[in-house]
Amino acid sequence: MLTQGGYYLATGVLPFVSRRLFEAVTGPKREWWLVQTVGALVTVIGGALVTGALRDELSDELLGVAAGSAATLAAIDVAYVAKGRIAPTYLIDAGAELGLLGALAVSVRRRESGS
């Protein structure tokens, strides 16, 4: 969960750090307020995941947020790339989200088995 939180913090703040860099990677955006809204929400989620991981407080609710966020962001990436609405570079994020989801599943399984 620490890795996922760090990834979300980094990607969430990027639109606030450099619009030019963000759009160079993801393509131009007409609705910049929406980019910033999603970035802010992803940053908040990332902060909560990092805090929970550092405190070793991995509640079922926090695990749900971690899994739900990764699955939702991956699905949105794939669906809107397929529709031609966003750049194919978003498939890199989809792959990262699926990797995070897989790592989370392994982590939960180990936690439940006590290893």
PDB file of N, CA and C in Angstrom:
ATOM      1  N   MET A   1       0.825  -1.191   0.000  1.00  0.00           N
ATOM      2  CA  MET A   1       0.000   0.000   0.000  1.00  0.00           C
ATOM      3  C   MET A   1       0.871   1.258   0.000  1.00  0.00           C
ATOM      4  N   LEU A   2       2.063   1.159   0.542  1.00  0.00           N
ATOM      5  CA  LEU A   2       2.981   2.294   0.553  1.00  0.00           C
ATOM      6  C   LEU A   2       3.367   2.691  -0.877  1.00  0.00           C
ATOM      7  N   THR A   3       3.647   1.699  -1.709  1.00  0.00           N
ATOM      8  CA  THR A   3       4.005   1.971  -3.104  1.00  0.00           C
ATOM      9  C   THR A   3       2.853   2.636  -3.842  1.00  0.00           C
ATOM     10  N   GLN A   4       1.659   2.122  -3.659  1.00  0.00           N
ATOM     11  CA  GLN A   4       0.483   2.694  -4.315  1.00  0.00           C
ATOM     12  C   GLN A   4       0.270   4.130  -3.850  1.00  0.00           C
ATOM     13  N   GLY A   5       0.402   4.352  -2.557  1.00  0.00           N
ATOM     14  CA  GLY A   5       0.242   5.709  -2.035  1.00  0.00           C
ATOM     15  C   GLY A   5       1.271   6.660  -2.607  1.00  0.00           C
ATOM     16  N   GLY A   6       2.505   6.205  -2.702  1.00  0.00           N
ATOM     17  CA  GLY A   6       3.557   7.039  -3.280  1.00  0.00           C
ATOM     18  C   GLY A   6       3.299   7.353  -4.746  1.00  0.00           C
ATOM     19  N   TYR A   7       2.844   6.349  -5.479  1.00  0.00           N
ATOM     20  CA  TYR A   7       2.511   6.543  -6.894  1.00  0.00           C
ATOM     21  C   TYR A   7       1.384   7.559  -7.042  1.00  0.00           C
ATOM     22  N   TYR A   8       0.375   7.441  -6.203  1.00  0.00           N
ATOM     23  CA  TYR A   8      -0.751   8.374  -6.272  1.00  0.00           C
ATOM     24  C   TYR A   8      -0.343   9.787  -5.879  1.00  0.00           C
ATOM     25  N   LEU A   9       0.514   9.910  -4.881  1.00  0.00           N
ATOM     26  CA  LEU A   9       0.997  11.242  -4.510  1.00  0.00           C
ATOM     27  C   LEU A   9       1.742  11.880  -5.681  1.00  0.00           C
ATOM     28  N   ALA A  10       2.628  11.113  -6.298  1.00  0.00           N
ATOM     29  CA  ALA A  10       3.431  11.644  -7.409  1.00  0.00           C
ATOM     30  C   ALA A  10       2.568  12.015  -8.614  1.00  0.00           C
ATOM     31  N   THR A  11       1.671  11.127  -8.991  1.00  0.00           N
ATOM     32  CA  THR A  11       0.852  11.406 -10.175  1.00  0.00           C
ATOM     33  C   THR A  11      -0.236  12.432  -9.881  1.00  0.00           C
ATOM     34  N   GLY A  12      -0.706  12.465  -8.657  1.00  0.00           N
ATOM     35  CA  GLY A  12      -1.762  13.414  -8.296  1.00  0.00           C
ATOM     36  C   GLY A  12      -1.294  14.857  -8.271  1.00  0.00           C
ATOM     37  N   VAL A  13      -0.069  15.084  -7.837  1.00  0.00           N
ATOM     38  CA  VAL A  13       0.423  16.464  -7.754  1.00  0.00           C
ATOM     39  C   VAL A  13       0.979  16.965  -9.089  1.00  0.00           C
ATOM     40  N   LEU A  14       1.268  16.066 -10.026  1.00  0.00           N
ATOM     41  CA  LEU A  14       1.887  16.477 -11.281  1.00  0.00           C
ATOM     42  C   LEU A  14       1.133  17.601 -12.003  1.00  0.00           C
ATOM     43  N   PRO A  15      -0.196  17.554 -12.104  1.00  0.00           N
ATOM     44  CA  PRO A  15      -0.876  18.660 -12.795  1.00  0.00           C
ATOM     45  C   PRO A  15      -0.672  20.020 -12.109  1.00  0.00           C
ATOM     46  N   PHE A  16      -0.377  20.005 -10.823  1.00  0.00           N
ATOM     47  CA  PHE A  16      -0.160  21.254 -10.099  1.00  0.00           C
ATOM     48  C   PHE A  16       1.287  21.730 -10.204  1.00  0.00           C
ATOM     49  N   VAL A  17       2.183  20.790 -10.475  1.00  0.00           N
ATOM     50  CA  VAL A  17       3.601  21.120 -10.592  1.00  0.00           C
ATOM     51  C   VAL A  17       3.892  21.702 -11.971  1.00  0.00           C
ATOM     52  N   SER A  18       3.394  21.053 -13.022  1.00  0.00           N
ATOM     53  CA  SER A  18       3.683  21.507 -14.378  1.00  0.00           C
ATOM     54  C   SER A  18       2.602  21.056 -15.353  1.00  0.00           C
ATOM     55  N   ARG A  19       1.787  21.995 -15.772  1.00  0.00           N
ATOM     56  CA  ARG A  19       0.776  21.673 -16.777  1.00  0.00           C
ATOM     57  C   ARG A  19       1.460  21.236 -18.075  1.00  0.00           C
ATOM     58  N   ARG A  20       2.534  21.908 -18.431  1.00  0.00           N
ATOM     59  CA  ARG A  20       3.240  21.592 -19.677  1.00  0.00           C
ATOM     60  C   ARG A  20       3.743  20.147 -19.669  1.00  0.00           C
ATOM     61  N   LEU A  21       4.362  19.721 -18.568  1.00  0.00           N
ATOM     62  CA  LEU A  21       4.859  18.349 -18.466  1.00  0.00           C
ATOM     63  C   LEU A  21       3.704  17.356 -18.468  1.00  0.00           C
ATOM     64  N   PHE A  22       2.662  17.657 -17.712  1.00  0.00           N
ATOM     65  CA  PHE A  22       1.503  16.763 -17.656  1.00  0.00           C
ATOM     66  C   PHE A  22       0.911  16.563 -19.047  1.00  0.00           C
ATOM     67  N   GLU A  23       0.707  17.652 -19.761  1.00  0.00           N
ATOM     68  CA  GLU A  23       0.114  17.543 -21.092  1.00  0.00           C
ATOM     69  C   GLU A  23       1.083  16.953 -22.114  1.00  0.00           C
ATOM     70  N   ALA A  24       2.377  17.096 -21.891  1.00  0.00           N
ATOM     71  CA  ALA A  24       3.352  16.461 -22.787  1.00  0.00           C
ATOM     72  C   ALA A  24       3.234  14.941 -22.718  1.00  0.00           C
ATOM     73  N   VAL A  25       2.907  14.430 -21.532  1.00  0.00           N
ATOM     74  CA  VAL A  25       2.777  12.981 -21.335  1.00  0.00           C
ATOM     75  C   VAL A  25       1.387  12.491 -21.729  1.00  0.00           C
ATOM     76  N   THR A  26       0.361  13.238 -21.373  1.00  0.00           N
ATOM     77  CA  THR A  26      -1.015  12.747 -21.508  1.00  0.00           C
ATOM     78  C   THR A  26      -1.804  13.358 -22.661  1.00  0.00           C
ATOM     79  N   GLY A  27      -1.262  14.391 -23.283  1.00  0.00           N
ATOM     80  CA  GLY A  27      -1.973  15.080 -24.348  1.00  0.00           C
ATOM     81  C   GLY A  27      -2.686  16.308 -23.809  1.00  0.00           C
ATOM     82  N   PRO A  28      -3.073  17.212 -24.701  1.00  0.00           N
ATOM     83  CA  PRO A  28      -3.719  18.458 -24.271  1.00  0.00           C
ATOM     84  C   PRO A  28      -5.085  18.204 -23.629  1.00  0.00           C
ATOM     85  N   LYS A  29      -5.421  19.069 -22.711  1.00  0.00           N
ATOM     86  CA  LYS A  29      -6.693  18.952 -21.985  1.00  0.00           C
ATOM     87  C   LYS A  29      -7.485  20.245 -22.131  1.00  0.00           C
ATOM     88  N   ARG A  30      -8.770  20.127 -22.421  1.00  0.00           N
ATOM     89  CA  ARG A  30      -9.653  21.293 -22.503  1.00  0.00           C
ATOM     90  C   ARG A  30     -10.209  21.667 -21.143  1.00  0.00           C
ATOM     91  N   GLU A  31     -10.476  20.695 -20.329  1.00  0.00           N
ATOM     92  CA  GLU A  31     -11.100  20.923 -19.021  1.00  0.00           C
ATOM     93  C   GLU A  31     -10.050  20.826 -17.925  1.00  0.00           C
ATOM     94  N   TRP A  32      -9.213  21.856 -17.793  1.00  0.00           N
ATOM     95  CA  TRP A  32      -8.111  21.802 -16.843  1.00  0.00           C
ATOM     96  C   TRP A  32      -8.601  21.683 -15.405  1.00  0.00           C
ATOM     97  N   TRP A  33      -9.743  22.265 -15.102  1.00  0.00           N
ATOM     98  CA  TRP A  33     -10.307  22.160 -13.749  1.00  0.00           C
ATOM     99  C   TRP A  33     -10.574  20.694 -13.403  1.00  0.00           C
ATOM    100  N   LEU A  34     -10.980  19.898 -14.388  1.00  0.00           N
ATOM    101  CA  LEU A  34     -11.254  18.485 -14.149  1.00  0.00           C
ATOM    102  C   LEU A  34      -9.961  17.721 -13.887  1.00  0.00           C
ATOM    103  N   VAL A  35      -8.917  18.041 -14.631  1.00  0.00           N
ATOM    104  CA  VAL A  35      -7.601  17.435 -14.393  1.00  0.00           C
ATOM    105  C   VAL A  35      -7.157  17.724 -12.966  1.00  0.00           C
ATOM    106  N   GLN A  36      -7.312  18.962 -12.539  1.00  0.00           N
ATOM    107  CA  GLN A  36      -6.895  19.335 -11.192  1.00  0.00           C
ATOM    108  C   GLN A  36      -7.774  18.680 -10.124  1.00  0.00           C
ATOM    109  N   THR A  37      -9.047  18.532 -10.392  1.00  0.00           N
ATOM    110  CA  THR A  37      -9.939  17.859  -9.441  1.00  0.00           C
ATOM    111  C   THR A  37      -9.527  16.408  -9.254  1.00  0.00           C
ATOM    112  N   VAL A  38      -9.307  15.700 -10.351  1.00  0.00           N
ATOM    113  CA  VAL A  38      -8.879  14.301 -10.264  1.00  0.00           C
ATOM    114  C   VAL A  38      -7.506  14.218  -9.599  1.00  0.00           C
ATOM    115  N   GLY A  39      -6.612  15.114  -9.960  1.00  0.00           N
ATOM    116  CA  GLY A  39      -5.286  15.127  -9.346  1.00  0.00           C
ATOM    117  C   GLY A  39      -5.357  15.327  -7.840  1.00  0.00           C
ATOM    118  N   ALA A  40      -6.205  16.247  -7.413  1.00  0.00           N
ATOM    119  CA  ALA A  40      -6.349  16.500  -5.974  1.00  0.00           C
ATOM    120  C   ALA A  40      -6.919  15.278  -5.256  1.00  0.00           C
ATOM    121  N   LEU A  41      -7.921  14.642  -5.835  1.00  0.00           N
ATOM    122  CA  LEU A  41      -8.510  13.452  -5.211  1.00  0.00           C
ATOM    123  C   LEU A  41      -7.512  12.296  -5.151  1.00  0.00           C
ATOM    124  N   VAL A  42      -6.761  12.092  -6.221  1.00  0.00           N
ATOM    125  CA  VAL A  42      -5.756  11.033  -6.234  1.00  0.00           C
ATOM    126  C   VAL A  42      -4.677  11.326  -5.186  1.00  0.00           C
ATOM    127  N   THR A  43      -4.315  12.598  -5.034  1.00  0.00           N
ATOM    128  CA  THR A  43      -3.336  12.979  -4.015  1.00  0.00           C
ATOM    129  C   THR A  43      -3.847  12.675  -2.614  1.00  0.00           C
ATOM    130  N   VAL A  44      -5.103  12.994  -2.355  1.00  0.00           N
ATOM    131  CA  VAL A  44      -5.694  12.709  -1.037  1.00  0.00           C
ATOM    132  C   VAL A  44      -5.705  11.214  -0.760  1.00  0.00           C
ATOM    133  N   ILE A  45      -6.101  10.429  -1.750  1.00  0.00           N
ATOM    134  CA  ILE A  45      -6.099   8.973  -1.587  1.00  0.00           C
ATOM    135  C   ILE A  45      -4.676   8.487  -1.320  1.00  0.00           C
ATOM    136  N   GLY A  46      -3.720   8.998  -2.078  1.00  0.00           N
ATOM    137  CA  GLY A  46      -2.327   8.612  -1.880  1.00  0.00           C
ATOM    138  C   GLY A  46      -1.837   8.931  -0.479  1.00  0.00           C
ATOM    139  N   GLY A  47      -2.186  10.104   0.013  1.00  0.00           N
ATOM    140  CA  GLY A  47      -1.790  10.478   1.367  1.00  0.00           C
ATOM    141  C   GLY A  47      -2.371   9.541   2.411  1.00  0.00           C
ATOM    142  N   ALA A  48      -3.628   9.166   2.245  1.00  0.00           N
ATOM    143  CA  ALA A  48      -4.262   8.239   3.189  1.00  0.00           C
ATOM    144  C   ALA A  48      -3.611   6.860   3.135  1.00  0.00           C
ATOM    145  N   LEU A  49      -3.281   6.395   1.938  1.00  0.00           N
ATOM    146  CA  LEU A  49      -2.646   5.081   1.802  1.00  0.00           C
ATOM    147  C   LEU A  49      -1.250   5.073   2.416  1.00  0.00           C
ATOM    148  N   VAL A  50      -0.481   6.138   2.179  1.00  0.00           N
ATOM    149  CA  VAL A  50       0.855   6.232   2.771  1.00  0.00           C
ATOM    150  C   VAL A  50       0.754   6.275   4.294  1.00  0.00           C
ATOM    151  N   THR A  51      -0.153   7.085   4.806  1.00  0.00           N
ATOM    152  CA  THR A  51      -0.318   7.194   6.261  1.00  0.00           C
ATOM    153  C   THR A  51      -0.695   5.856   6.874  1.00  0.00           C
ATOM    154  N   GLY A  52      -1.667   5.173   6.265  1.00  0.00           N
ATOM    155  CA  GLY A  52      -2.073   3.865   6.774  1.00  0.00           C
ATOM    156  C   GLY A  52      -0.944   2.857   6.739  1.00  0.00           C
ATOM    157  N   ALA A  53      -0.174   2.859   5.653  1.00  0.00           N
ATOM    158  CA  ALA A  53       0.938   1.911   5.529  1.00  0.00           C
ATOM    159  C   ALA A  53       2.026   2.200   6.555  1.00  0.00           C
ATOM    160  N   LEU A  54       2.367   3.465   6.735  1.00  0.00           N
ATOM    161  CA  LEU A  54       3.418   3.818   7.693  1.00  0.00           C
ATOM    162  C   LEU A  54       3.004   3.517   9.136  1.00  0.00           C
ATOM    163  N   ARG A  55       1.734   3.646   9.417  1.00  0.00           N
ATOM    164  CA  ARG A  55       1.232   3.334  10.764  1.00  0.00           C
ATOM    165  C   ARG A  55       0.931   1.856  10.928  1.00  0.00           C
ATOM    166  N   ASP A  56       1.033   1.112   9.831  1.00  0.00           N
ATOM    167  CA  ASP A  56       0.671  -0.298   9.801  1.00  0.00           C
ATOM    168  C   ASP A  56      -0.782  -0.489  10.242  1.00  0.00           C
ATOM    169  N   GLU A  57      -1.617   0.431   9.823  1.00  0.00           N
ATOM    170  CA  GLU A  57      -3.054   0.390  10.112  1.00  0.00           C
ATOM    171  C   GLU A  57      -3.797   0.164   8.800  1.00  0.00           C
ATOM    172  N   LEU A  58      -3.845  -1.064   8.380  1.00  0.00           N
ATOM    173  CA  LEU A  58      -4.458  -1.401   7.110  1.00  0.00           C
ATOM    174  C   LEU A  58      -5.866  -1.939   7.341  1.00  0.00           C
ATOM    175  N   SER A  59      -6.769  -1.023   7.600  1.00  0.00           N
ATOM    176  CA  SER A  59      -8.156  -1.408   7.867  1.00  0.00           C
ATOM    177  C   SER A  59      -8.805  -1.949   6.597  1.00  0.00           C
ATOM    178  N   ASP A  60      -9.906  -2.653   6.783  1.00  0.00           N
ATOM    179  CA  ASP A  60     -10.660  -3.146   5.632  1.00  0.00           C
ATOM    180  C   ASP A  60     -11.125  -1.987   4.753  1.00  0.00           C
ATOM    181  N   GLU A  61     -11.472  -0.871   5.393  1.00  0.00           N
ATOM    182  CA  GLU A  61     -11.941   0.298   4.636  1.00  0.00           C
ATOM    183  C   GLU A  61     -10.816   0.874   3.770  1.00  0.00           C
ATOM    184  N   LEU A  62      -9.616   0.968   4.334  1.00  0.00           N
ATOM    185  CA  LEU A  62      -8.487   1.492   3.579  1.00  0.00           C
ATOM    186  C   LEU A  62      -8.090   0.536   2.450  1.00  0.00           C
ATOM    187  N   LEU A  63      -8.160  -0.749   2.719  1.00  0.00           N
ATOM    188  CA  LEU A  63      -7.904  -1.726   1.659  1.00  0.00           C
ATOM    189  C   LEU A  63      -8.942  -1.599   0.543  1.00  0.00           C
ATOM    190  N   GLY A  64     -10.178  -1.337   0.923  1.00  0.00           N
ATOM    191  CA  GLY A  64     -11.235  -1.130  -0.066  1.00  0.00           C
ATOM    192  C   GLY A  64     -10.979   0.098  -0.928  1.00  0.00           C
ATOM    193  N   VAL A  65     -10.526   1.165  -0.303  1.00  0.00           N
ATOM    194  CA  VAL A  65     -10.188   2.379  -1.053  1.00  0.00           C
ATOM    195  C   VAL A  65      -9.022   2.101  -1.993  1.00  0.00           C
ATOM    196  N   ALA A  66      -8.010   1.397  -1.512  1.00  0.00           N
ATOM    197  CA  ALA A  66      -6.835   1.075  -2.339  1.00  0.00           C
ATOM    198  C   ALA A  66      -7.244   0.234  -3.552  1.00  0.00           C
ATOM    199  N   ALA A  67      -7.970  -0.835  -3.309  1.00  0.00           N
ATOM    200  CA  ALA A  67      -8.376  -1.728  -4.400  1.00  0.00           C
ATOM    201  C   ALA A  67      -9.362  -1.037  -5.339  1.00  0.00           C
ATOM    202  N   GLY A  68     -10.331  -0.362  -4.772  1.00  0.00           N
ATOM    203  CA  GLY A  68     -11.343   0.320  -5.578  1.00  0.00           C
ATOM    204  C   GLY A  68     -10.757   1.412  -6.445  1.00  0.00           C
ATOM    205  N   SER A  69      -9.809   2.156  -5.899  1.00  0.00           N
ATOM    206  CA  SER A  69      -9.164   3.226  -6.667  1.00  0.00           C
ATOM    207  C   SER A  69      -8.369   2.658  -7.832  1.00  0.00           C
ATOM    208  N   ALA A  70      -7.576   1.642  -7.557  1.00  0.00           N
ATOM    209  CA  ALA A  70      -6.757   1.044  -8.620  1.00  0.00           C
ATOM    210  C   ALA A  70      -7.638   0.448  -9.714  1.00  0.00           C
ATOM    211  N   ALA A  71      -8.671  -0.280  -9.334  1.00  0.00           N
ATOM    212  CA  ALA A  71      -9.553  -0.901 -10.327  1.00  0.00           C
ATOM    213  C   ALA A  71     -10.305   0.149 -11.142  1.00  0.00           C
ATOM    214  N   THR A  72     -10.797   1.170 -10.468  1.00  0.00           N
ATOM    215  CA  THR A  72     -11.556   2.221 -11.152  1.00  0.00           C
ATOM    216  C   THR A  72     -10.674   3.001 -12.118  1.00  0.00           C
ATOM    217  N   LEU A  73      -9.498   3.411 -11.664  1.00  0.00           N
ATOM    218  CA  LEU A  73      -8.606   4.178 -12.538  1.00  0.00           C
ATOM    219  C   LEU A  73      -8.159   3.349 -13.736  1.00  0.00           C
ATOM    220  N   ALA A  74      -7.879   2.062 -13.536  1.00  0.00           N
ATOM    221  CA  ALA A  74      -7.500   1.194 -14.659  1.00  0.00           C
ATOM    222  C   ALA A  74      -8.649   1.062 -15.650  1.00  0.00           C
ATOM    223  N   ALA A  75      -9.856   0.856 -15.148  1.00  0.00           N
ATOM    224  CA  ALA A  75     -11.020   0.700 -16.032  1.00  0.00           C
ATOM    225  C   ALA A  75     -11.288   1.971 -16.840  1.00  0.00           C
ATOM    226  N   ILE A  76     -11.178   3.113 -16.191  1.00  0.00           N
ATOM    227  CA  ILE A  76     -11.390   4.389 -16.888  1.00  0.00           C
ATOM    228  C   ILE A  76     -10.326   4.577 -17.968  1.00  0.00           C
ATOM    229  N   ASP A  77      -9.072   4.292 -17.625  1.00  0.00           N
ATOM    230  CA  ASP A  77      -7.992   4.406 -18.609  1.00  0.00           C
ATOM    231  C   ASP A  77      -8.289   3.557 -19.842  1.00  0.00           C
ATOM    232  N   VAL A  78      -8.580   2.296 -19.630  1.00  0.00           N
ATOM    233  CA  VAL A  78      -8.798   1.378 -20.749  1.00  0.00           C
ATOM    234  C   VAL A  78     -10.030   1.783 -21.559  1.00  0.00           C
ATOM    235  N   ALA A  79     -11.126   2.089 -20.886  1.00  0.00           N
ATOM    236  CA  ALA A  79     -12.372   2.430 -21.584  1.00  0.00           C
ATOM    237  C   ALA A  79     -12.224   3.683 -22.443  1.00  0.00           C
ATOM    238  N   TYR A  80     -11.583   4.700 -21.899  1.00  0.00           N
ATOM    239  CA  TYR A  80     -11.513   5.955 -22.644  1.00  0.00           C
ATOM    240  C   TYR A  80     -10.391   5.980 -23.679  1.00  0.00           C
ATOM    241  N   VAL A  81      -9.368   5.152 -23.518  1.00  0.00           N
ATOM    242  CA  VAL A  81      -8.402   4.976 -24.607  1.00  0.00           C
ATOM    243  C   VAL A  81      -9.110   4.257 -25.757  1.00  0.00           C
ATOM    244  N   ALA A  82      -9.893   3.230 -25.430  1.00  0.00           N
ATOM    245  CA  ALA A  82     -10.619   2.471 -26.460  1.00  0.00           C
ATOM    246  C   ALA A  82     -11.594   3.358 -27.233  1.00  0.00           C
ATOM    247  N   LYS A  83     -12.181   4.337 -26.568  1.00  0.00           N
ATOM    248  CA  LYS A  83     -13.120   5.266 -27.218  1.00  0.00           C
ATOM    249  C   LYS A  83     -12.403   6.382 -27.965  1.00  0.00           C
ATOM    250  N   GLY A  84     -11.087   6.457 -27.821  1.00  0.00           N
ATOM    251  CA  GLY A  84     -10.328   7.508 -28.482  1.00  0.00           C
ATOM    252  C   GLY A  84     -10.430   8.868 -27.806  1.00  0.00           C
ATOM    253  N   ARG A  85     -10.901   8.899 -26.568  1.00  0.00           N
ATOM    254  CA  ARG A  85     -11.086  10.166 -25.850  1.00  0.00           C
ATOM    255  C   ARG A  85      -9.826  10.633 -25.128  1.00  0.00           C
ATOM    256  N   ILE A  86      -8.939   9.693 -24.779  1.00  0.00           N
ATOM    257  CA  ILE A  86      -7.690  10.041 -24.115  1.00  0.00           C
ATOM    258  C   ILE A  86      -6.540   9.328 -24.822  1.00  0.00           C
ATOM    259  N   ALA A  87      -5.346   9.833 -24.594  1.00  0.00           N
ATOM    260  CA  ALA A  87      -4.156   9.318 -25.283  1.00  0.00           C
ATOM    261  C   ALA A  87      -3.832   7.883 -24.867  1.00  0.00           C
ATOM    262  N   PRO A  88      -3.271   7.106 -25.786  1.00  0.00           N
ATOM    263  CA  PRO A  88      -2.857   5.741 -25.469  1.00  0.00           C
ATOM    264  C   PRO A  88      -1.825   5.653 -24.346  1.00  0.00           C
ATOM    265  N   THR A  89      -1.143   6.743 -24.043  1.00  0.00           N
ATOM    266  CA  THR A  89      -0.186   6.710 -22.928  1.00  0.00           C
ATOM    267  C   THR A  89      -0.884   6.387 -21.607  1.00  0.00           C
ATOM    268  N   TYR A  90      -2.191   6.590 -21.536  1.00  0.00           N
ATOM    269  CA  TYR A  90      -2.927   6.236 -20.323  1.00  0.00           C
ATOM    270  C   TYR A  90      -2.920   4.729 -20.079  1.00  0.00           C
ATOM    271  N   LEU A  91      -2.618   3.944 -21.105  1.00  0.00           N
ATOM    272  CA  LEU A  91      -2.527   2.495 -20.909  1.00  0.00           C
ATOM    273  C   LEU A  91      -1.327   2.132 -20.035  1.00  0.00           C
ATOM    274  N   ILE A  92      -0.317   3.003 -19.999  1.00  0.00           N
ATOM    275  CA  ILE A  92       0.803   2.786 -19.083  1.00  0.00           C
ATOM    276  C   ILE A  92       0.297   2.870 -17.646  1.00  0.00           C
ATOM    277  N   ASP A  93      -0.543   3.872 -17.389  1.00  0.00           N
ATOM    278  CA  ASP A  93      -1.129   3.993 -16.055  1.00  0.00           C
ATOM    279  C   ASP A  93      -2.033   2.800 -15.757  1.00  0.00           C
ATOM    280  N   ALA A  94      -2.808   2.359 -16.743  1.00  0.00           N
ATOM    281  CA  ALA A  94      -3.682   1.200 -16.528  1.00  0.00           C
ATOM    282  C   ALA A  94      -2.855  -0.017 -16.114  1.00  0.00           C
ATOM    283  N   GLY A  95      -1.731  -0.213 -16.775  1.00  0.00           N
ATOM    284  CA  GLY A  95      -0.841  -1.327 -16.415  1.00  0.00           C
ATOM    285  C   GLY A  95      -0.303  -1.174 -15.001  1.00  0.00           C
ATOM    286  N   ALA A  96       0.072   0.054 -14.645  1.00  0.00           N
ATOM    287  CA  ALA A  96       0.564   0.303 -13.289  1.00  0.00           C
ATOM    288  C   ALA A  96      -0.536   0.028 -12.266  1.00  0.00           C
ATOM    289  N   GLU A  97      -1.749   0.474 -12.567  1.00  0.00           N
ATOM    290  CA  GLU A  97      -2.872   0.251 -11.648  1.00  0.00           C
ATOM    291  C   GLU A  97      -3.142  -1.239 -11.458  1.00  0.00           C
ATOM    292  N   LEU A  98      -3.097  -2.001 -12.545  1.00  0.00           N
ATOM    293  CA  LEU A  98      -3.315  -3.448 -12.436  1.00  0.00           C
ATOM    294  C   LEU A  98      -2.186  -4.113 -11.663  1.00  0.00           C
ATOM    295  N   GLY A  99      -0.960  -3.632 -11.850  1.00  0.00           N
ATOM    296  CA  GLY A  99       0.164  -4.145 -11.074  1.00  0.00           C
ATOM    297  C   GLY A  99      -0.008  -3.850  -9.587  1.00  0.00           C
ATOM    298  N   LEU A 100      -0.456  -2.635  -9.278  1.00  0.00           N
ATOM    299  CA  LEU A 100      -0.716  -2.270  -7.879  1.00  0.00           C
ATOM    300  C   LEU A 100      -1.828  -3.130  -7.288  1.00  0.00           C
ATOM    301  N   LEU A 101      -2.851  -3.388  -8.078  1.00  0.00           N
ATOM    302  CA  LEU A 101      -3.961  -4.217  -7.618  1.00  0.00           C
ATOM    303  C   LEU A 101      -3.482  -5.639  -7.345  1.00  0.00           C
ATOM    304  N   GLY A 102      -2.644  -6.173  -8.210  1.00  0.00           N
ATOM    305  CA  GLY A 102      -2.079  -7.504  -7.995  1.00  0.00           C
ATOM    306  C   GLY A 102      -1.207  -7.562  -6.754  1.00  0.00           C
ATOM    307  N   ALA A 103      -0.361  -6.552  -6.570  1.00  0.00           N
ATOM    308  CA  ALA A 103       0.493  -6.500  -5.382  1.00  0.00           C
ATOM    309  C   ALA A 103      -0.348  -6.384  -4.118  1.00  0.00           C
ATOM    310  N   LEU A 104      -1.418  -5.636  -4.188  1.00  0.00           N
ATOM    311  CA  LEU A 104      -2.316  -5.496  -3.041  1.00  0.00           C
ATOM    312  C   LEU A 104      -2.964  -6.842  -2.708  1.00  0.00           C
ATOM    313  N   ALA A 105      -3.383  -7.572  -3.729  1.00  0.00           N
ATOM    314  CA  ALA A 105      -3.990  -8.895  -3.504  1.00  0.00           C
ATOM    315  C   ALA A 105      -2.999  -9.849  -2.843  1.00  0.00           C
ATOM    316  N   VAL A 106      -1.752  -9.832  -3.295  1.00  0.00           N
ATOM    317  CA  VAL A 106      -0.717 -10.677  -2.687  1.00  0.00           C
ATOM    318  C   VAL A 106      -0.498 -10.277  -1.236  1.00  0.00           C
ATOM    319  N   SER A 107      -0.441  -8.982  -0.988  1.00  0.00           N
ATOM    320  CA  SER A 107      -0.241  -8.473   0.365  1.00  0.00           C
ATOM    321  C   SER A 107      -1.370  -8.882   1.306  1.00  0.00           C
ATOM    322  N   VAL A 108      -2.591  -8.789   0.834  1.00  0.00           N
ATOM    323  CA  VAL A 108      -3.746  -9.160   1.651  1.00  0.00           C
ATOM    324  C   VAL A 108      -3.719 -10.663   1.930  1.00  0.00           C
ATOM    325  N   ARG A 109      -3.385 -11.445   0.931  1.00  0.00           N
ATOM    326  CA  ARG A 109      -3.320 -12.905   1.117  1.00  0.00           C
ATOM    327  C   ARG A 109      -2.268 -13.265   2.155  1.00  0.00           C
ATOM    328  N   ARG A 110      -1.112 -12.625   2.088  1.00  0.00           N
ATOM    329  CA  ARG A 110      -0.053 -12.888   3.070  1.00  0.00           C
ATOM    330  C   ARG A 110      -0.495 -12.452   4.452  1.00  0.00           C
ATOM    331  N   ARG A 111      -1.162 -11.323   4.531  1.00  0.00           N
ATOM    332  CA  ARG A 111      -1.642 -10.811   5.821  1.00  0.00           C
ATOM    333  C   ARG A 111      -2.647 -11.779   6.451  1.00  0.00           C
ATOM    334  N   GLU A 112      -3.537 -12.300   5.624  1.00  0.00           N
ATOM    335  CA  GLU A 112      -4.568 -13.212   6.125  1.00  0.00           C
ATOM    336  C   GLU A 112      -3.969 -14.563   6.540  1.00  0.00           C
ATOM    337  N   SER A 113      -2.908 -14.997   5.856  1.00  0.00           N
ATOM    338  CA  SER A 113      -2.304 -16.283   6.201  1.00  0.00           C
ATOM    339  C   SER A 113      -1.288 -16.157   7.328  1.00  0.00           C
ATOM    340  N   GLY A 114      -0.991 -14.908   7.721  1.00  0.00           N
ATOM    341  CA  GLY A 114      -0.074 -14.691   8.844  1.00  0.00           C
ATOM    342  C   GLY A 114       1.388 -14.792   8.475  1.00  0.00           C
ATOM    343  N   SER A 115       1.715 -14.791   7.163  1.00  0.00           N
ATOM    344  CA  SER A 115       3.123 -14.877   6.768  1.00  0.00           C
ATOM    345  C   SER A 115       3.749 -13.531   6.685  1.00  0.00           C
TER     346      SER A 115
END
